[in-house]
Amino acid sequence: MQATETKRGLDRSEISFGEFTDMLSFEGSHEAPSPHAPILRDDPELLIYATRSKNTDSQWQIRDFRVIGMDVTFRVRTADRADLAAMLIEVFGGENLNTDERNVGRRPVRYGVPTAVAVDGKPAIAAWLYVTGDDKAEVADVLGVGEGTVTEYLSRFRRRGDGIPDDVDILAVGDHMPEIPPQYDPVPDGGVDQ
């Protein structure tokens, strides 16, 4: 089946999973998004997308965000954490965000902080802890600082990478997205159409 386009963009109801995956410029071999996923960033070494599925009222709803690098995958519940996860991958590379050889390419370290992140300093540690599930109060407690300082650390770390492009309008988990706007479509020659 050949991918078709409509006035509003890619006809996601007519495209196969394989065709959709082939449109992405991401070159990794990790999990791929379904044709129902809005693509937030698609580069050869980094893919960010939101998962969505139908709720009990048959409305399309954002469920979470996936940030996938060549050697690591993050599954997070907010766009803010997805942004920081992308920056962690950009700054450290996925291979430095794993410690257990059995899990390389599958998931980031679940407990503790990877060595590369730890030696980089408190802004990187704060970003890691926040992305992996701690709220700002918990990060502040671990680092022995106030929540305002954690916010400053996260802001400093954000300046080190690109993360989610600024012009991408992101919905929150739980928001409805009945149709995916064309700017979240992969482009047949690779990349997101923006």
C-alpha atoms as a PDB file:
ATOM      1  CA  MET A   1       0.000   0.000   0.000  1.00  0.00           C
ATOM      2  CA  GLN A   2       1.432   3.375  -0.940  1.00  0.00           C
ATOM      3  CA  ALA A   3       1.345   6.231   1.571  1.00  0.00           C
ATOM      4  CA  THR A   4      -1.141   8.900   0.586  1.00  0.00           C
ATOM      5  CA  GLU A   5      -1.370  12.508   1.598  1.00  0.00           C
ATOM      6  CA  THR A   6      -4.486  14.544   2.213  1.00  0.00           C
ATOM      7  CA  LYS A   7      -5.007  18.301   2.505  1.00  0.00           C
ATOM      8  CA  ARG A   8      -4.242  18.024   6.188  1.00  0.00           C
ATOM      9  CA  GLY A   9      -1.097  15.948   5.756  1.00  0.00           C
ATOM     10  CA  LEU A  10      -0.235  12.260   5.796  1.00  0.00           C
ATOM     11  CA  ASP A  11      -3.257   9.944   5.733  1.00  0.00           C
ATOM     12  CA  ARG A  12      -2.342   7.890   8.784  1.00  0.00           C
ATOM     13  CA  SER A  13      -5.328   5.583   8.441  1.00  0.00           C
ATOM     14  CA  GLU A  14      -4.014   4.311   5.093  1.00  0.00           C
ATOM     15  CA  ILE A  15      -0.320   3.874   5.835  1.00  0.00           C
ATOM     16  CA  SER A  16       1.251   0.652   7.072  1.00  0.00           C
ATOM     17  CA  PHE A  17       3.540   0.475  10.083  1.00  0.00           C
ATOM     18  CA  GLY A  18       6.483  -0.381   7.813  1.00  0.00           C
ATOM     19  CA  GLU A  19       5.857   2.523   5.452  1.00  0.00           C
ATOM     20  CA  PHE A  20       5.590   4.928   8.369  1.00  0.00           C
ATOM     21  CA  THR A  21       8.823   3.654   9.910  1.00  0.00           C
ATOM     22  CA  ASP A  22      10.601   3.907   6.532  1.00  0.00           C
ATOM     23  CA  MET A  23       9.680   7.617   6.340  1.00  0.00           C
ATOM     24  CA  LEU A  24      11.608   8.380   9.535  1.00  0.00           C
ATOM     25  CA  SER A  25      15.188   9.564   9.299  1.00  0.00           C
ATOM     26  CA  PHE A  26      16.043   7.901  12.661  1.00  0.00           C
ATOM     27  CA  GLU A  27      18.566   5.136  11.978  1.00  0.00           C
ATOM     28  CA  GLY A  28      18.335   3.224  15.262  1.00  0.00           C
ATOM     29  CA  SER A  29      16.851  -0.226  15.622  1.00  0.00           C
ATOM     30  CA  HIS A  30      14.770   0.386  18.743  1.00  0.00           C
ATOM     31  CA  GLU A  31      11.016   0.424  19.072  1.00  0.00           C
ATOM     32  CA  ALA A  32       9.365   2.478  16.386  1.00  0.00           C
ATOM     33  CA  PRO A  33       6.281   4.651  16.648  1.00  0.00           C
ATOM     34  CA  SER A  34       2.961   3.565  15.237  1.00  0.00           C
ATOM     35  CA  PRO A  35       1.402   5.619  12.428  1.00  0.00           C
ATOM     36  CA  HIS A  36      -0.847   7.141  15.120  1.00  0.00           C
ATOM     37  CA  ALA A  37       2.087   8.846  16.880  1.00  0.00           C
ATOM     38  CA  PRO A  38       2.853  12.550  16.438  1.00  0.00           C
ATOM     39  CA  ILE A  39       6.569  12.919  15.686  1.00  0.00           C
ATOM     40  CA  LEU A  40       8.185  15.739  17.692  1.00  0.00           C
ATOM     41  CA  ARG A  41      11.762  15.329  16.457  1.00  0.00           C
ATOM     42  CA  ASP A  42      13.275  12.966  13.940  1.00  0.00           C
ATOM     43  CA  ASP A  43      17.023  13.009  13.402  1.00  0.00           C
ATOM     44  CA  PRO A  44      19.316  10.153  12.334  1.00  0.00           C
ATOM     45  CA  GLU A  45      20.383   9.560  15.961  1.00  0.00           C
ATOM     46  CA  LEU A  46      17.408  10.857  17.982  1.00  0.00           C
ATOM     47  CA  LEU A  47      13.666  10.291  17.745  1.00  0.00           C
ATOM     48  CA  ILE A  48      11.036  11.923  19.970  1.00  0.00           C
ATOM     49  CA  TYR A  49       7.358  11.120  19.672  1.00  0.00           C
ATOM     50  CA  ALA A  50       4.182  11.103  21.712  1.00  0.00           C
ATOM     51  CA  THR A  51       2.168   7.926  21.999  1.00  0.00           C
ATOM     52  CA  ARG A  52      -1.567   8.223  21.688  1.00  0.00           C
ATOM     53  CA  SER A  53      -4.458   5.819  21.795  1.00  0.00           C
ATOM     54  CA  LYS A  54      -8.216   5.952  22.041  1.00  0.00           C
ATOM     55  CA  ASN A  55      -9.789   6.373  25.451  1.00  0.00           C
ATOM     56  CA  THR A  56     -13.099   4.837  26.572  1.00  0.00           C
ATOM     57  CA  ASP A  57     -14.970   7.593  24.690  1.00  0.00           C
ATOM     58  CA  SER A  58     -13.110   6.707  21.456  1.00  0.00           C
ATOM     59  CA  GLN A  59     -11.168   9.985  21.543  1.00  0.00           C
ATOM     60  CA  TRP A  60      -7.471  10.025  20.644  1.00  0.00           C
ATOM     61  CA  GLN A  61      -5.509  10.904  23.769  1.00  0.00           C
ATOM     62  CA  ILE A  62      -1.798  11.554  24.397  1.00  0.00           C
ATOM     63  CA  ARG A  63      -0.448   8.795  26.694  1.00  0.00           C
ATOM     64  CA  ASP A  64       3.275   9.485  27.139  1.00  0.00           C
ATOM     65  CA  PHE A  65       6.453  10.504  25.333  1.00  0.00           C
ATOM     66  CA  ARG A  66       9.272   8.350  23.986  1.00  0.00           C
ATOM     67  CA  VAL A  67      12.792   9.650  23.517  1.00  0.00           C
ATOM     68  CA  ILE A  68      14.959   7.185  21.631  1.00  0.00           C
ATOM     69  CA  GLY A  69      18.675   7.421  20.972  1.00  0.00           C
ATOM     70  CA  MET A  70      20.949   4.895  19.327  1.00  0.00           C
ATOM     71  CA  ASP A  71      21.642   3.048  22.596  1.00  0.00           C
ATOM     72  CA  VAL A  72      18.940   4.192  24.996  1.00  0.00           C
ATOM     73  CA  THR A  73      15.195   4.725  25.309  1.00  0.00           C
ATOM     74  CA  PHE A  74      13.340   6.945  27.764  1.00  0.00           C
ATOM     75  CA  ARG A  75       9.597   6.722  28.397  1.00  0.00           C
ATOM     76  CA  VAL A  76       8.385   9.823  30.239  1.00  0.00           C
ATOM     77  CA  ARG A  77       5.059  11.373  31.239  1.00  0.00           C
ATOM     78  CA  THR A  78       5.705  15.040  30.403  1.00  0.00           C
ATOM     79  CA  ALA A  79       7.062  17.021  27.476  1.00  0.00           C
ATOM     80  CA  ASP A  80       9.417  18.804  29.894  1.00  0.00           C
ATOM     81  CA  ARG A  81      11.023  15.492  30.875  1.00  0.00           C
ATOM     82  CA  ALA A  82      11.131  14.398  27.213  1.00  0.00           C
ATOM     83  CA  ASP A  83      12.995  17.607  26.385  1.00  0.00           C
ATOM     84  CA  LEU A  84      15.579  16.960  29.104  1.00  0.00           C
ATOM     85  CA  ALA A  85      15.880  13.271  28.141  1.00  0.00           C
ATOM     86  CA  ALA A  86      16.740  14.322  24.588  1.00  0.00           C
ATOM     87  CA  MET A  87      19.397  16.661  25.944  1.00  0.00           C
ATOM     88  CA  LEU A  88      20.875  13.895  28.104  1.00  0.00           C
ATOM     89  CA  ILE A  89      21.219  11.784  24.953  1.00  0.00           C
ATOM     90  CA  GLU A  90      22.710  14.705  22.997  1.00  0.00           C
ATOM     91  CA  VAL A  91      25.220  15.592  25.698  1.00  0.00           C
ATOM     92  CA  PHE A  92      26.299  12.125  26.871  1.00  0.00           C
ATOM     93  CA  GLY A  93      25.349   9.718  24.091  1.00  0.00           C
ATOM     94  CA  GLY A  94      23.153   6.724  24.818  1.00  0.00           C
ATOM     95  CA  GLU A  95      26.075   4.392  25.424  1.00  0.00           C
ATOM     96  CA  ASN A  96      27.038   6.451  28.491  1.00  0.00           C
ATOM     97  CA  LEU A  97      23.539   6.288  29.965  1.00  0.00           C
ATOM     98  CA  ASN A  98      23.707   2.511  30.489  1.00  0.00           C
ATOM     99  CA  THR A  99      25.814   0.494  32.879  1.00  0.00           C
ATOM    100  CA  ASP A 100      24.550  -3.074  32.520  1.00  0.00           C
ATOM    101  CA  GLU A 101      25.694  -4.656  29.243  1.00  0.00           C
ATOM    102  CA  ARG A 102      22.552  -6.821  29.131  1.00  0.00           C
ATOM    103  CA  ASN A 103      20.410  -3.676  29.005  1.00  0.00           C
ATOM    104  CA  VAL A 104      22.397  -1.649  26.506  1.00  0.00           C
ATOM    105  CA  GLY A 105      20.030  -0.510  23.798  1.00  0.00           C
ATOM    106  CA  ARG A 106      16.965  -1.337  25.835  1.00  0.00           C
ATOM    107  CA  ARG A 107      16.607   1.092  28.704  1.00  0.00           C
ATOM    108  CA  PRO A 108      18.519   3.624  30.738  1.00  0.00           C
ATOM    109  CA  VAL A 109      19.898   2.898  34.200  1.00  0.00           C
ATOM    110  CA  ARG A 110      16.932   2.537  36.546  1.00  0.00           C
ATOM    111  CA  TYR A 111      18.624   3.204  39.891  1.00  0.00           C
ATOM    112  CA  GLY A 112      21.496   5.520  40.618  1.00  0.00           C
ATOM    113  CA  VAL A 113      23.193   7.898  38.233  1.00  0.00           C
ATOM    114  CA  PRO A 114      25.415   6.864  35.300  1.00  0.00           C
ATOM    115  CA  THR A 115      29.075   7.685  35.854  1.00  0.00           C
ATOM    116  CA  ALA A 116      29.295  10.121  32.917  1.00  0.00           C
ATOM    117  CA  VAL A 117      26.347  12.085  34.307  1.00  0.00           C
ATOM    118  CA  ALA A 118      27.624  12.023  37.900  1.00  0.00           C
ATOM    119  CA  VAL A 119      31.059  13.411  37.059  1.00  0.00           C
ATOM    120  CA  ASP A 120      29.527  16.173  34.926  1.00  0.00           C
ATOM    121  CA  GLY A 121      28.112  17.969  37.956  1.00  0.00           C
ATOM    122  CA  LYS A 122      24.899  18.863  39.730  1.00  0.00           C
ATOM    123  CA  PRO A 123      22.972  20.281  36.728  1.00  0.00           C
ATOM    124  CA  ALA A 124      23.430  16.980  34.860  1.00  0.00           C
ATOM    125  CA  ILE A 125      22.579  14.934  37.958  1.00  0.00           C
ATOM    126  CA  ALA A 126      19.441  17.030  38.539  1.00  0.00           C
ATOM    127  CA  ALA A 127      18.398  16.477  34.907  1.00  0.00           C
ATOM    128  CA  TRP A 128      18.967  12.719  35.196  1.00  0.00           C
ATOM    129  CA  LEU A 129      17.011  12.390  38.442  1.00  0.00           C
ATOM    130  CA  TYR A 130      14.152  14.515  37.100  1.00  0.00           C
ATOM    131  CA  VAL A 131      13.924  12.601  33.808  1.00  0.00           C
ATOM    132  CA  THR A 132      13.974   9.229  35.560  1.00  0.00           C
ATOM    133  CA  GLY A 133      11.001  10.104  37.740  1.00  0.00           C
ATOM    134  CA  ASP A 134      11.906  12.217  40.756  1.00  0.00           C
ATOM    135  CA  ASP A 135       9.967  15.443  41.206  1.00  0.00           C
ATOM    136  CA  LYS A 136      11.838  18.672  41.939  1.00  0.00           C
ATOM    137  CA  ALA A 137      11.402  18.301  45.717  1.00  0.00           C
ATOM    138  CA  GLU A 138      12.920  14.803  45.611  1.00  0.00           C
ATOM    139  CA  VAL A 139      15.813  16.011  43.451  1.00  0.00           C
ATOM    140  CA  ALA A 140      16.391  18.886  45.895  1.00  0.00           C
ATOM    141  CA  ASP A 141      16.471  16.423  48.804  1.00  0.00           C
ATOM    142  CA  VAL A 142      18.967  14.112  47.057  1.00  0.00           C
ATOM    143  CA  LEU A 143      21.266  17.015  46.122  1.00  0.00           C
ATOM    144  CA  GLY A 144      20.875  18.845  49.445  1.00  0.00           C
ATOM    145  CA  VAL A 145      19.648  22.072  47.840  1.00  0.00           C
ATOM    146  CA  GLY A 146      16.374  23.997  47.571  1.00  0.00           C
ATOM    147  CA  GLU A 147      13.780  23.512  44.820  1.00  0.00           C
ATOM    148  CA  GLY A 148      14.706  26.904  43.345  1.00  0.00           C
ATOM    149  CA  THR A 149      18.270  25.681  42.903  1.00  0.00           C
ATOM    150  CA  VAL A 150      17.000  22.524  41.183  1.00  0.00           C
ATOM    151  CA  THR A 151      15.002  24.703  38.780  1.00  0.00           C
ATOM    152  CA  GLU A 152      18.178  26.684  38.062  1.00  0.00           C
ATOM    153  CA  TYR A 153      20.179  23.456  37.525  1.00  0.00           C
ATOM    154  CA  LEU A 154      17.579  22.189  35.043  1.00  0.00           C
ATOM    155  CA  SER A 155      17.608  25.534  33.249  1.00  0.00           C
ATOM    156  CA  ARG A 156      21.401  25.436  32.995  1.00  0.00           C
ATOM    157  CA  PHE A 157      21.359  21.891  31.667  1.00  0.00           C
ATOM    158  CA  ARG A 158      18.712  22.805  29.047  1.00  0.00           C
ATOM    159  CA  ARG A 159      21.154  25.271  27.488  1.00  0.00           C
ATOM    160  CA  ARG A 160      23.476  22.388  26.554  1.00  0.00           C
ATOM    161  CA  GLY A 161      21.284  20.762  23.911  1.00  0.00           C
ATOM    162  CA  ASP A 162      18.445  21.227  21.469  1.00  0.00           C
ATOM    163  CA  GLY A 163      15.865  18.799  22.883  1.00  0.00           C
ATOM    164  CA  ILE A 164      12.398  19.280  21.443  1.00  0.00           C
ATOM    165  CA  PRO A 165      12.431  22.080  18.844  1.00  0.00           C
ATOM    166  CA  ASP A 166      11.017  25.378  20.152  1.00  0.00           C
ATOM    167  CA  ASP A 167       8.468  25.643  17.352  1.00  0.00           C
ATOM    168  CA  VAL A 168       6.816  22.321  18.262  1.00  0.00           C
ATOM    169  CA  ASP A 169       3.532  22.855  20.099  1.00  0.00           C
ATOM    170  CA  ILE A 170       3.222  19.973  22.555  1.00  0.00           C
ATOM    171  CA  LEU A 171       0.090  18.691  24.227  1.00  0.00           C
ATOM    172  CA  ALA A 172       0.161  17.290  27.730  1.00  0.00           C
ATOM    173  CA  VAL A 173      -0.463  13.666  28.630  1.00  0.00           C
ATOM    174  CA  GLY A 174      -4.229  13.212  28.772  1.00  0.00           C
ATOM    175  CA  ASP A 175      -4.991  15.933  26.220  1.00  0.00           C
ATOM    176  CA  HIS A 176      -7.070  15.002  23.199  1.00  0.00           C
ATOM    177  CA  MET A 177      -5.536  15.120  19.733  1.00  0.00           C
ATOM    178  CA  PRO A 178      -8.243  14.015  17.290  1.00  0.00           C
ATOM    179  CA  GLU A 179      -6.085  14.583  14.202  1.00  0.00           C
ATOM    180  CA  ILE A 180      -2.348  14.938  13.917  1.00  0.00           C
ATOM    181  CA  PRO A 181      -1.390  18.247  12.303  1.00  0.00           C
ATOM    182  CA  PRO A 182       0.905  17.949   9.251  1.00  0.00           C
ATOM    183  CA  GLN A 183       3.864  19.476  11.106  1.00  0.00           C
ATOM    184  CA  TYR A 184       4.047  16.226  13.147  1.00  0.00           C
ATOM    185  CA  ASP A 185       4.254  14.005  10.059  1.00  0.00           C
ATOM    186  CA  PRO A 186       7.512  12.418   8.962  1.00  0.00           C
ATOM    187  CA  VAL A 187       8.601  13.575   5.537  1.00  0.00           C
ATOM    188  CA  PRO A 188       9.082  10.769   2.970  1.00  0.00           C
ATOM    189  CA  ASP A 189      12.719  11.785   2.426  1.00  0.00           C
ATOM    190  CA  GLY A 190      13.375  11.809   6.188  1.00  0.00           C
ATOM    191  CA  GLY A 191      12.826  14.356   8.921  1.00  0.00           C
ATOM    192  CA  VAL A 192       9.799  16.063  10.351  1.00  0.00           C
ATOM    193  CA  ASP A 193       7.916  18.477   8.090  1.00  0.00           C
ATOM    194  CA  GLN A 194       8.401  21.849   9.813  1.00  0.00           C
END
